[in-house]
């Protein structure tokens, strides 16, 4: 199932200055660049961002918090029912020019690390730091067992035949986190969460950092170390509003590293950026790649 880019979720952008872009190209030619990516990298793959005028937050969306998920069985059932409906469409999303360009630069040795806030697994570079985890696996919160998301999906469909009549609701991806907007208390109440294959607990959680949770310490250490040893920072499609990513840019600034930003709309680092370009990252990446 191939998903085509949905332009209704791609924010408009100004015409960028090619001379500014040349400065980014020169930086990349020098190598050892740490790249930080956000939701704006995936909009042209068909996944909405959060903070643009067409983003999830702008439409009033409030994501489920870690605390809500952990303390309420009903909320866990609600989460998984909605996730089951959207998963076939979410997993069919393909990398766009931004993902492919960044990964190619990393393979060429010009990008030393990729730190992504996204949970969509669209960056394929093997040394990518997935800051907030990935939706393609599920973790048992009691024993730590990791289950492949496709395996978990099949189990949900087997245990909950009612889902088969709801799958069309997932065609319109509403959220960057793979959530889909539908409410049905009857479905949520009777929903059965597949048990952990190791300990049989039903305390199964997507293997991502939900809002209100913290990034695992080893992940933070790995990302911080890669920033420390880099020569410059390139931020793509991110407002850097959440602390989990902002801390690395703040650290880079303290090290006096050049900070380049390509993003639509304001970012938390605008005041400290060496250069900011207002543009769609998937649009500028072909120009970057053809110039290197």
C-alpha atoms as a PDB file:
ATOM      1  CA  UNK A   1       0.000   0.000   0.000  1.00  0.00           C
ATOM      2  CA  UNK A   2       1.776   3.135  -1.162  1.00  0.00           C
ATOM      3  CA  UNK A   3       0.782   6.445   0.367  1.00  0.00           C
ATOM      4  CA  UNK A   4       1.104   9.568  -1.781  1.00  0.00           C
ATOM      5  CA  UNK A   5       2.122  12.913  -0.254  1.00  0.00           C
ATOM      6  CA  UNK A   6      -0.841  14.917   1.018  1.00  0.00           C
ATOM      7  CA  UNK A   7      -0.260  18.559   0.196  1.00  0.00           C
ATOM      8  CA  UNK A   8      -3.053  19.738   2.473  1.00  0.00           C
ATOM      9  CA  UNK A   9      -0.705  19.195   5.425  1.00  0.00           C
ATOM     10  CA  UNK A  10       2.405  20.774   3.877  1.00  0.00           C
ATOM     11  CA  UNK A  11       2.722  24.404   5.078  1.00  0.00           C
ATOM     12  CA  UNK A  12       3.435  27.172   2.610  1.00  0.00           C
ATOM     13  CA  UNK A  13       6.938  28.624   2.489  1.00  0.00           C
ATOM     14  CA  UNK A  14       8.793  31.659   1.229  1.00  0.00           C
ATOM     15  CA  UNK A  15      11.125  31.504  -1.766  1.00  0.00           C
ATOM     16  CA  UNK A  16      14.508  30.765  -0.239  1.00  0.00           C
ATOM     17  CA  UNK A  17      17.727  32.603  -1.056  1.00  0.00           C
ATOM     18  CA  UNK A  18      20.106  30.326  -2.925  1.00  0.00           C
ATOM     19  CA  UNK A  19      23.121  32.254  -1.609  1.00  0.00           C
ATOM     20  CA  UNK A  20      22.050  31.322   1.918  1.00  0.00           C
ATOM     21  CA  UNK A  21      21.726  27.724   0.845  1.00  0.00           C
ATOM     22  CA  UNK A  22      25.266  27.836  -0.521  1.00  0.00           C
ATOM     23  CA  UNK A  23      26.477  28.474   3.033  1.00  0.00           C
ATOM     24  CA  UNK A  24      24.752  25.289   4.177  1.00  0.00           C
ATOM     25  CA  UNK A  25      26.298  23.404   1.255  1.00  0.00           C
ATOM     26  CA  UNK A  26      29.777  24.706   2.155  1.00  0.00           C
ATOM     27  CA  UNK A  27      29.262  23.525   5.728  1.00  0.00           C
ATOM     28  CA  UNK A  28      28.203  20.074   4.571  1.00  0.00           C
ATOM     29  CA  UNK A  29      31.212  19.837   2.274  1.00  0.00           C
ATOM     30  CA  UNK A  30      33.391  20.299   5.340  1.00  0.00           C
ATOM     31  CA  UNK A  31      31.832  17.194   6.884  1.00  0.00           C
ATOM     32  CA  UNK A  32      31.280  16.161  10.507  1.00  0.00           C
ATOM     33  CA  UNK A  33      27.838  17.781  10.600  1.00  0.00           C
ATOM     34  CA  UNK A  34      25.284  16.669  13.209  1.00  0.00           C
ATOM     35  CA  UNK A  35      21.775  16.810  11.763  1.00  0.00           C
ATOM     36  CA  UNK A  36      18.670  17.188  13.951  1.00  0.00           C
ATOM     37  CA  UNK A  37      15.363  16.464  12.223  1.00  0.00           C
ATOM     38  CA  UNK A  38      11.746  17.018  13.225  1.00  0.00           C
ATOM     39  CA  UNK A  39       8.184  16.560  12.015  1.00  0.00           C
ATOM     40  CA  UNK A  40       8.642  19.064   9.182  1.00  0.00           C
ATOM     41  CA  UNK A  41      10.824  16.504   7.418  1.00  0.00           C
ATOM     42  CA  UNK A  42       7.913  14.090   7.067  1.00  0.00           C
ATOM     43  CA  UNK A  43       5.027  16.319   5.983  1.00  0.00           C
ATOM     44  CA  UNK A  44       5.737  15.728   2.307  1.00  0.00           C
ATOM     45  CA  UNK A  45       5.567  12.003   2.980  1.00  0.00           C
ATOM     46  CA  UNK A  46       2.003  12.536   4.186  1.00  0.00           C
ATOM     47  CA  UNK A  47       2.519  12.750   7.961  1.00  0.00           C
ATOM     48  CA  UNK A  48       1.302  15.989   9.595  1.00  0.00           C
ATOM     49  CA  UNK A  49       3.594  18.114  11.737  1.00  0.00           C
ATOM     50  CA  UNK A  50       2.614  19.657  15.067  1.00  0.00           C
ATOM     51  CA  UNK A  51       3.073  23.423  15.112  1.00  0.00           C
ATOM     52  CA  UNK A  52       2.564  24.766  11.582  1.00  0.00           C
ATOM     53  CA  UNK A  53      -0.802  26.366  10.670  1.00  0.00           C
ATOM     54  CA  UNK A  54      -1.904  22.966   9.337  1.00  0.00           C
ATOM     55  CA  UNK A  55      -0.299  20.971  12.133  1.00  0.00           C
ATOM     56  CA  UNK A  56      -1.963  18.836  14.768  1.00  0.00           C
ATOM     57  CA  UNK A  57      -1.634  21.376  17.576  1.00  0.00           C
ATOM     58  CA  UNK A  58      -3.102  24.139  15.407  1.00  0.00           C
ATOM     59  CA  UNK A  59      -6.226  22.006  15.058  1.00  0.00           C
ATOM     60  CA  UNK A  60      -6.587  21.536  18.815  1.00  0.00           C
ATOM     61  CA  UNK A  61      -5.035  18.094  19.116  1.00  0.00           C
ATOM     62  CA  UNK A  62      -3.793  17.066  22.558  1.00  0.00           C
ATOM     63  CA  UNK A  63      -1.708  13.880  22.474  1.00  0.00           C
ATOM     64  CA  UNK A  64      -2.102  11.236  25.124  1.00  0.00           C
ATOM     65  CA  UNK A  65       0.419  11.634  27.914  1.00  0.00           C
ATOM     66  CA  UNK A  66       2.570   8.925  29.420  1.00  0.00           C
ATOM     67  CA  UNK A  67       0.737   9.372  32.712  1.00  0.00           C
ATOM     68  CA  UNK A  68      -2.695   8.901  31.109  1.00  0.00           C
ATOM     69  CA  UNK A  69      -1.534   5.805  29.295  1.00  0.00           C
ATOM     70  CA  UNK A  70      -0.012   4.167  32.364  1.00  0.00           C
ATOM     71  CA  UNK A  71      -2.762   4.836  34.884  1.00  0.00           C
ATOM     72  CA  UNK A  72      -5.898   4.127  32.825  1.00  0.00           C
ATOM     73  CA  UNK A  73      -6.771   0.800  31.214  1.00  0.00           C
ATOM     74  CA  UNK A  74      -9.535   2.513  29.234  1.00  0.00           C
ATOM     75  CA  UNK A  75      -7.063   5.045  27.818  1.00  0.00           C
ATOM     76  CA  UNK A  76      -4.691   2.233  26.836  1.00  0.00           C
ATOM     77  CA  UNK A  77      -7.536   0.475  25.026  1.00  0.00           C
ATOM     78  CA  UNK A  78      -8.499   3.742  23.339  1.00  0.00           C
ATOM     79  CA  UNK A  79      -4.910   4.321  22.243  1.00  0.00           C
ATOM     80  CA  UNK A  80      -4.470   0.849  20.770  1.00  0.00           C
ATOM     81  CA  UNK A  81      -7.855   0.776  19.023  1.00  0.00           C
ATOM     82  CA  UNK A  82      -7.078   4.046  17.259  1.00  0.00           C
ATOM     83  CA  UNK A  83      -3.509   2.992  16.529  1.00  0.00           C
ATOM     84  CA  UNK A  84      -4.672  -0.309  15.043  1.00  0.00           C
ATOM     85  CA  UNK A  85      -6.907   1.553  12.609  1.00  0.00           C
ATOM     86  CA  UNK A  86      -4.151   3.923  11.438  1.00  0.00           C
ATOM     87  CA  UNK A  87      -1.184   1.526  11.404  1.00  0.00           C
ATOM     88  CA  UNK A  88      -1.597   0.063   7.873  1.00  0.00           C
ATOM     89  CA  UNK A  89      -1.513   3.586   6.458  1.00  0.00           C
ATOM     90  CA  UNK A  90       1.214   4.908   8.759  1.00  0.00           C
ATOM     91  CA  UNK A  91       3.589   2.033   7.999  1.00  0.00           C
ATOM     92  CA  UNK A  92       3.032   2.513   4.247  1.00  0.00           C
ATOM     93  CA  UNK A  93       4.481   6.036   4.316  1.00  0.00           C
ATOM     94  CA  UNK A  94       7.704   6.302   2.343  1.00  0.00           C
ATOM     95  CA  UNK A  95      10.810   8.489   2.805  1.00  0.00           C
ATOM     96  CA  UNK A  96      10.831  11.746   0.850  1.00  0.00           C
ATOM     97  CA  UNK A  97      13.701  13.802  -0.544  1.00  0.00           C
ATOM     98  CA  UNK A  98      14.684  15.091   2.879  1.00  0.00           C
ATOM     99  CA  UNK A  99      15.096  11.655   4.459  1.00  0.00           C
ATOM    100  CA  UNK A 100      16.892  10.265   1.425  1.00  0.00           C
ATOM    101  CA  UNK A 101      19.184  13.279   1.144  1.00  0.00           C
ATOM    102  CA  UNK A 102      20.186  13.264   4.807  1.00  0.00           C
ATOM    103  CA  UNK A 103      20.787   9.521   4.759  1.00  0.00           C
ATOM    104  CA  UNK A 104      22.921   9.819   1.614  1.00  0.00           C
ATOM    105  CA  UNK A 105      24.999  12.614   3.149  1.00  0.00           C
ATOM    106  CA  UNK A 106      25.545  10.388   6.167  1.00  0.00           C
ATOM    107  CA  UNK A 107      26.615   7.470   3.982  1.00  0.00           C
ATOM    108  CA  UNK A 108      29.082   9.778   2.212  1.00  0.00           C
ATOM    109  CA  UNK A 109      30.605  10.657   5.570  1.00  0.00           C
ATOM    110  CA  UNK A 110      29.599  14.333   5.472  1.00  0.00           C
ATOM    111  CA  UNK A 111      26.947  13.947   8.174  1.00  0.00           C
ATOM    112  CA  UNK A 112      28.400  12.377  11.287  1.00  0.00           C
ATOM    113  CA  UNK A 113      25.109  11.660  13.033  1.00  0.00           C
ATOM    114  CA  UNK A 114      21.371  11.993  12.517  1.00  0.00           C
ATOM    115  CA  UNK A 115      19.285  12.800  15.576  1.00  0.00           C
ATOM    116  CA  UNK A 116      15.593  12.558  14.792  1.00  0.00           C
ATOM    117  CA  UNK A 117      12.625  13.484  16.958  1.00  0.00           C
ATOM    118  CA  UNK A 118      10.319  11.558  14.636  1.00  0.00           C
ATOM    119  CA  UNK A 119       8.937   8.112  15.416  1.00  0.00           C
ATOM    120  CA  UNK A 120       8.151   7.157  11.805  1.00  0.00           C
ATOM    121  CA  UNK A 121      11.420   5.284  11.011  1.00  0.00           C
ATOM    122  CA  UNK A 122      11.779   7.123   7.682  1.00  0.00           C
ATOM    123  CA  UNK A 123      15.482   7.784   8.248  1.00  0.00           C
ATOM    124  CA  UNK A 124      17.264   4.599   7.178  1.00  0.00           C
ATOM    125  CA  UNK A 125      20.831   5.554   8.136  1.00  0.00           C
ATOM    126  CA  UNK A 126      21.923   2.839  10.550  1.00  0.00           C
ATOM    127  CA  UNK A 127      23.495   5.184  13.110  1.00  0.00           C
ATOM    128  CA  UNK A 128      20.418   7.390  13.438  1.00  0.00           C
ATOM    129  CA  UNK A 129      19.624   8.327  17.048  1.00  0.00           C
ATOM    130  CA  UNK A 130      15.862   7.907  17.445  1.00  0.00           C
ATOM    131  CA  UNK A 131      15.361  10.395  20.230  1.00  0.00           C
ATOM    132  CA  UNK A 132      11.708   9.567  20.903  1.00  0.00           C
ATOM    133  CA  UNK A 133      11.777   5.911  19.902  1.00  0.00           C
ATOM    134  CA  UNK A 134       9.984   4.270  16.991  1.00  0.00           C
ATOM    135  CA  UNK A 135       6.410   3.160  16.439  1.00  0.00           C
ATOM    136  CA  UNK A 136       7.470  -0.042  14.706  1.00  0.00           C
ATOM    137  CA  UNK A 137       7.879  -1.880  18.000  1.00  0.00           C
ATOM    138  CA  UNK A 138       5.947  -2.370  21.243  1.00  0.00           C
ATOM    139  CA  UNK A 139       7.363  -2.711  24.750  1.00  0.00           C
ATOM    140  CA  UNK A 140       5.945  -4.627  27.702  1.00  0.00           C
ATOM    141  CA  UNK A 141       6.086  -2.252  30.647  1.00  0.00           C
ATOM    142  CA  UNK A 142       6.244  -5.133  33.117  1.00  0.00           C
ATOM    143  CA  UNK A 143       9.059  -7.319  31.760  1.00  0.00           C
ATOM    144  CA  UNK A 144      10.619  -5.183  29.004  1.00  0.00           C
ATOM    145  CA  UNK A 145       9.896  -7.615  26.168  1.00  0.00           C
ATOM    146  CA  UNK A 146       9.983  -5.999  22.704  1.00  0.00           C
ATOM    147  CA  UNK A 147       7.370  -7.075  20.138  1.00  0.00           C
ATOM    148  CA  UNK A 148       7.371  -6.209  16.444  1.00  0.00           C
ATOM    149  CA  UNK A 149       4.545  -3.779  15.686  1.00  0.00           C
ATOM    150  CA  UNK A 150       3.283  -5.794  12.712  1.00  0.00           C
ATOM    151  CA  UNK A 151       3.053  -8.907  14.903  1.00  0.00           C
ATOM    152  CA  UNK A 152       1.193  -6.892  17.532  1.00  0.00           C
ATOM    153  CA  UNK A 153      -1.112  -5.505  14.826  1.00  0.00           C
ATOM    154  CA  UNK A 154      -2.074  -8.989  13.683  1.00  0.00           C
ATOM    155  CA  UNK A 155      -2.802  -9.971  17.285  1.00  0.00           C
ATOM    156  CA  UNK A 156      -5.033  -6.917  17.786  1.00  0.00           C
ATOM    157  CA  UNK A 157      -7.028  -7.708  14.651  1.00  0.00           C
ATOM    158  CA  UNK A 158      -7.428 -11.352  15.722  1.00  0.00           C
ATOM    159  CA  UNK A 159      -8.652 -10.400  19.185  1.00  0.00           C
ATOM    160  CA  UNK A 160     -10.867  -7.524  18.023  1.00  0.00           C
ATOM    161  CA  UNK A 161     -12.927  -8.387  14.907  1.00  0.00           C
ATOM    162  CA  UNK A 162     -14.788  -5.085  15.317  1.00  0.00           C
ATOM    163  CA  UNK A 163     -11.684  -3.314  13.972  1.00  0.00           C
ATOM    164  CA  UNK A 164     -12.149  -4.725  10.487  1.00  0.00           C
ATOM    165  CA  UNK A 165     -15.144  -2.488   9.936  1.00  0.00           C
ATOM    166  CA  UNK A 166     -13.275   0.607  11.120  1.00  0.00           C
ATOM    167  CA  UNK A 167     -10.090   0.465   9.059  1.00  0.00           C
ATOM    168  CA  UNK A 168     -11.207   3.115   6.562  1.00  0.00           C
ATOM    169  CA  UNK A 169     -10.999   5.673   9.368  1.00  0.00           C
ATOM    170  CA  UNK A 170      -7.212   5.382   9.231  1.00  0.00           C
ATOM    171  CA  UNK A 171      -6.886   6.543   5.629  1.00  0.00           C
ATOM    172  CA  UNK A 172      -6.555  10.151   6.730  1.00  0.00           C
ATOM    173  CA  UNK A 173      -3.492  10.370   8.939  1.00  0.00           C
ATOM    174  CA  UNK A 174      -4.280  13.105  11.435  1.00  0.00           C
ATOM    175  CA  UNK A 175      -1.256  12.989  13.721  1.00  0.00           C
ATOM    176  CA  UNK A 176       2.526  12.773  13.613  1.00  0.00           C
ATOM    177  CA  UNK A 177       2.338  10.045  16.242  1.00  0.00           C
ATOM    178  CA  UNK A 178       0.155   7.740  14.138  1.00  0.00           C
ATOM    179  CA  UNK A 179      -3.020   8.490  16.078  1.00  0.00           C
ATOM    180  CA  UNK A 180      -6.320   8.813  14.200  1.00  0.00           C
ATOM    181  CA  UNK A 181      -9.303  10.915  15.232  1.00  0.00           C
ATOM    182  CA  UNK A 182     -12.285   8.762  16.120  1.00  0.00           C
ATOM    183  CA  UNK A 183     -14.206   8.269  19.347  1.00  0.00           C
ATOM    184  CA  UNK A 184     -16.309   5.177  20.152  1.00  0.00           C
ATOM    185  CA  UNK A 185     -16.589   4.337  23.837  1.00  0.00           C
ATOM    186  CA  UNK A 186     -18.278   1.025  23.037  1.00  0.00           C
ATOM    187  CA  UNK A 187     -15.337  -0.112  20.898  1.00  0.00           C
ATOM    188  CA  UNK A 188     -12.803   1.088  23.436  1.00  0.00           C
ATOM    189  CA  UNK A 189     -14.572  -0.625  26.353  1.00  0.00           C
ATOM    190  CA  UNK A 190     -14.642  -4.081  24.770  1.00  0.00           C
ATOM    191  CA  UNK A 191     -11.224  -3.763  23.133  1.00  0.00           C
ATOM    192  CA  UNK A 192      -8.729  -6.484  24.082  1.00  0.00           C
ATOM    193  CA  UNK A 193      -5.021  -5.645  24.265  1.00  0.00           C
ATOM    194  CA  UNK A 194      -2.823  -8.564  23.185  1.00  0.00           C
ATOM    195  CA  UNK A 195      -0.781  -9.934  26.092  1.00  0.00           C
ATOM    196  CA  UNK A 196       2.994  -9.908  26.250  1.00  0.00           C
ATOM    197  CA  UNK A 197       4.317 -13.169  24.735  1.00  0.00           C
ATOM    198  CA  UNK A 198       6.856 -13.402  27.561  1.00  0.00           C
ATOM    199  CA  UNK A 199       4.953 -12.594  30.761  1.00  0.00           C
ATOM    200  CA  UNK A 200       1.281 -12.342  29.557  1.00  0.00           C
ATOM    201  CA  UNK A 201       0.892  -8.800  30.907  1.00  0.00           C
ATOM    202  CA  UNK A 202      -1.376  -6.509  28.896  1.00  0.00           C
ATOM    203  CA  UNK A 203       0.636  -3.449  29.930  1.00  0.00           C
ATOM    204  CA  UNK A 204       1.860  -3.046  26.372  1.00  0.00           C
ATOM    205  CA  UNK A 205       3.054   0.394  25.273  1.00  0.00           C
ATOM    206  CA  UNK A 206       4.317   1.730  21.939  1.00  0.00           C
ATOM    207  CA  UNK A 207       8.100   1.825  22.121  1.00  0.00           C
ATOM    208  CA  UNK A 208       8.177   5.620  21.996  1.00  0.00           C
ATOM    209  CA  UNK A 209       8.520   8.487  24.436  1.00  0.00           C
ATOM    210  CA  UNK A 210       4.982   9.734  25.030  1.00  0.00           C
ATOM    211  CA  UNK A 211       4.404  13.319  26.145  1.00  0.00           C
ATOM    212  CA  UNK A 212       5.237  13.688  29.817  1.00  0.00           C
ATOM    213  CA  UNK A 213       7.805  10.891  29.720  1.00  0.00           C
ATOM    214  CA  UNK A 214      11.584  11.308  29.560  1.00  0.00           C
ATOM    215  CA  UNK A 215      14.063  10.272  26.898  1.00  0.00           C
ATOM    216  CA  UNK A 216      16.123   7.261  28.076  1.00  0.00           C
ATOM    217  CA  UNK A 217      19.484   8.341  29.500  1.00  0.00           C
ATOM    218  CA  UNK A 218      21.595   6.213  27.078  1.00  0.00           C
ATOM    219  CA  UNK A 219      19.840   7.894  24.140  1.00  0.00           C
ATOM    220  CA  UNK A 220      20.552  11.354  25.547  1.00  0.00           C
ATOM    221  CA  UNK A 221      24.205  10.453  26.165  1.00  0.00           C
ATOM    222  CA  UNK A 222      24.627   9.123  22.618  1.00  0.00           C
ATOM    223  CA  UNK A 223      23.071  12.223  21.059  1.00  0.00           C
ATOM    224  CA  UNK A 224      24.980  14.646  23.286  1.00  0.00           C
ATOM    225  CA  UNK A 225      28.266  12.905  22.556  1.00  0.00           C
ATOM    226  CA  UNK A 226      27.690  13.134  18.819  1.00  0.00           C
ATOM    227  CA  UNK A 227      26.948  16.860  19.078  1.00  0.00           C
ATOM    228  CA  UNK A 228      30.055  17.442  21.197  1.00  0.00           C
ATOM    229  CA  UNK A 229      32.327  15.864  18.614  1.00  0.00           C
ATOM    230  CA  UNK A 230      30.680  17.492  15.577  1.00  0.00           C
ATOM    231  CA  UNK A 231      31.874  20.596  13.733  1.00  0.00           C
ATOM    232  CA  UNK A 232      28.452  22.142  13.136  1.00  0.00           C
ATOM    233  CA  UNK A 233      24.713  21.537  13.561  1.00  0.00           C
ATOM    234  CA  UNK A 234      22.037  21.466  10.883  1.00  0.00           C
ATOM    235  CA  UNK A 235      18.411  21.511  12.062  1.00  0.00           C
ATOM    236  CA  UNK A 236      15.821  20.399   9.511  1.00  0.00           C
ATOM    237  CA  UNK A 237      12.048  20.726   9.844  1.00  0.00           C
ATOM    238  CA  UNK A 238      11.957  21.285  13.577  1.00  0.00           C
ATOM    239  CA  UNK A 239      10.828  24.153  15.791  1.00  0.00           C
ATOM    240  CA  UNK A 240      13.040  22.810  18.622  1.00  0.00           C
ATOM    241  CA  UNK A 241      10.286  23.766  21.066  1.00  0.00           C
ATOM    242  CA  UNK A 242      10.556  20.595  23.140  1.00  0.00           C
ATOM    243  CA  UNK A 243      13.433  20.342  25.592  1.00  0.00           C
ATOM    244  CA  UNK A 244      14.403  16.860  24.406  1.00  0.00           C
ATOM    245  CA  UNK A 245      15.852  18.369  21.224  1.00  0.00           C
ATOM    246  CA  UNK A 246      16.507  21.940  22.361  1.00  0.00           C
ATOM    247  CA  UNK A 247      19.116  20.784  24.894  1.00  0.00           C
ATOM    248  CA  UNK A 248      21.430  19.628  22.089  1.00  0.00           C
ATOM    249  CA  UNK A 249      21.219  22.945  20.258  1.00  0.00           C
ATOM    250  CA  UNK A 250      21.826  24.814  23.497  1.00  0.00           C
ATOM    251  CA  UNK A 251      24.857  22.598  24.106  1.00  0.00           C
ATOM    252  CA  UNK A 252      26.145  23.271  20.578  1.00  0.00           C
ATOM    253  CA  UNK A 253      25.780  27.017  21.170  1.00  0.00           C
ATOM    254  CA  UNK A 254      27.768  26.748  24.384  1.00  0.00           C
ATOM    255  CA  UNK A 255      30.504  25.026  22.361  1.00  0.00           C
ATOM    256  CA  UNK A 256      30.375  27.894  19.813  1.00  0.00           C
ATOM    257  CA  UNK A 257      29.443  25.525  17.017  1.00  0.00           C
ATOM    258  CA  UNK A 258      27.758  27.001  13.920  1.00  0.00           C
ATOM    259  CA  UNK A 259      24.024  26.288  13.944  1.00  0.00           C
ATOM    260  CA  UNK A 260      22.070  26.208  10.676  1.00  0.00           C
ATOM    261  CA  UNK A 261      18.287  25.894  10.540  1.00  0.00           C
ATOM    262  CA  UNK A 262      15.953  25.109   7.646  1.00  0.00           C
ATOM    263  CA  UNK A 263      12.369  25.285   8.835  1.00  0.00           C
ATOM    264  CA  UNK A 264       9.035  26.961   8.170  1.00  0.00           C
ATOM    265  CA  UNK A 265       8.034  29.212  11.064  1.00  0.00           C
ATOM    266  CA  UNK A 266       9.778  30.297  14.261  1.00  0.00           C
ATOM    267  CA  UNK A 267      12.095  28.036  16.212  1.00  0.00           C
ATOM    268  CA  UNK A 268      13.435  28.140  19.722  1.00  0.00           C
ATOM    269  CA  UNK A 269      16.944  28.672  18.354  1.00  0.00           C
ATOM    270  CA  UNK A 270      16.274  31.612  16.019  1.00  0.00           C
ATOM    271  CA  UNK A 271      18.205  34.013  18.252  1.00  0.00           C
ATOM    272  CA  UNK A 272      21.339  31.876  18.367  1.00  0.00           C
ATOM    273  CA  UNK A 273      21.328  30.439  14.846  1.00  0.00           C
ATOM    274  CA  UNK A 274      24.245  31.207  12.536  1.00  0.00           C
ATOM    275  CA  UNK A 275      21.768  31.122   9.651  1.00  0.00           C
ATOM    276  CA  UNK A 276      18.088  30.319   9.303  1.00  0.00           C
ATOM    277  CA  UNK A 277      16.360  29.565   6.003  1.00  0.00           C
ATOM    278  CA  UNK A 278      12.556  29.565   5.773  1.00  0.00           C
ATOM    279  CA  UNK A 279      11.858  26.711   3.368  1.00  0.00           C
ATOM    280  CA  UNK A 280      10.408  23.252   2.977  1.00  0.00           C
ATOM    281  CA  UNK A 281      13.232  20.879   3.678  1.00  0.00           C
ATOM    282  CA  UNK A 282      12.130  18.367   1.030  1.00  0.00           C
ATOM    283  CA  UNK A 283      12.263  21.150  -1.556  1.00  0.00           C
ATOM    284  CA  UNK A 284      15.752  22.415  -0.733  1.00  0.00           C
ATOM    285  CA  UNK A 285      17.371  19.014  -0.298  1.00  0.00           C
ATOM    286  CA  UNK A 286      17.627  18.284  -4.064  1.00  0.00           C
ATOM    287  CA  UNK A 287      19.434  21.601  -4.508  1.00  0.00           C
ATOM    288  CA  UNK A 288      21.805  20.719  -1.680  1.00  0.00           C
ATOM    289  CA  UNK A 289      22.495  17.270  -3.075  1.00  0.00           C
ATOM    290  CA  UNK A 290      23.141  18.531  -6.598  1.00  0.00           C
ATOM    291  CA  UNK A 291      25.655  21.047  -5.244  1.00  0.00           C
ATOM    292  CA  UNK A 292      27.790  18.659  -3.227  1.00  0.00           C
END
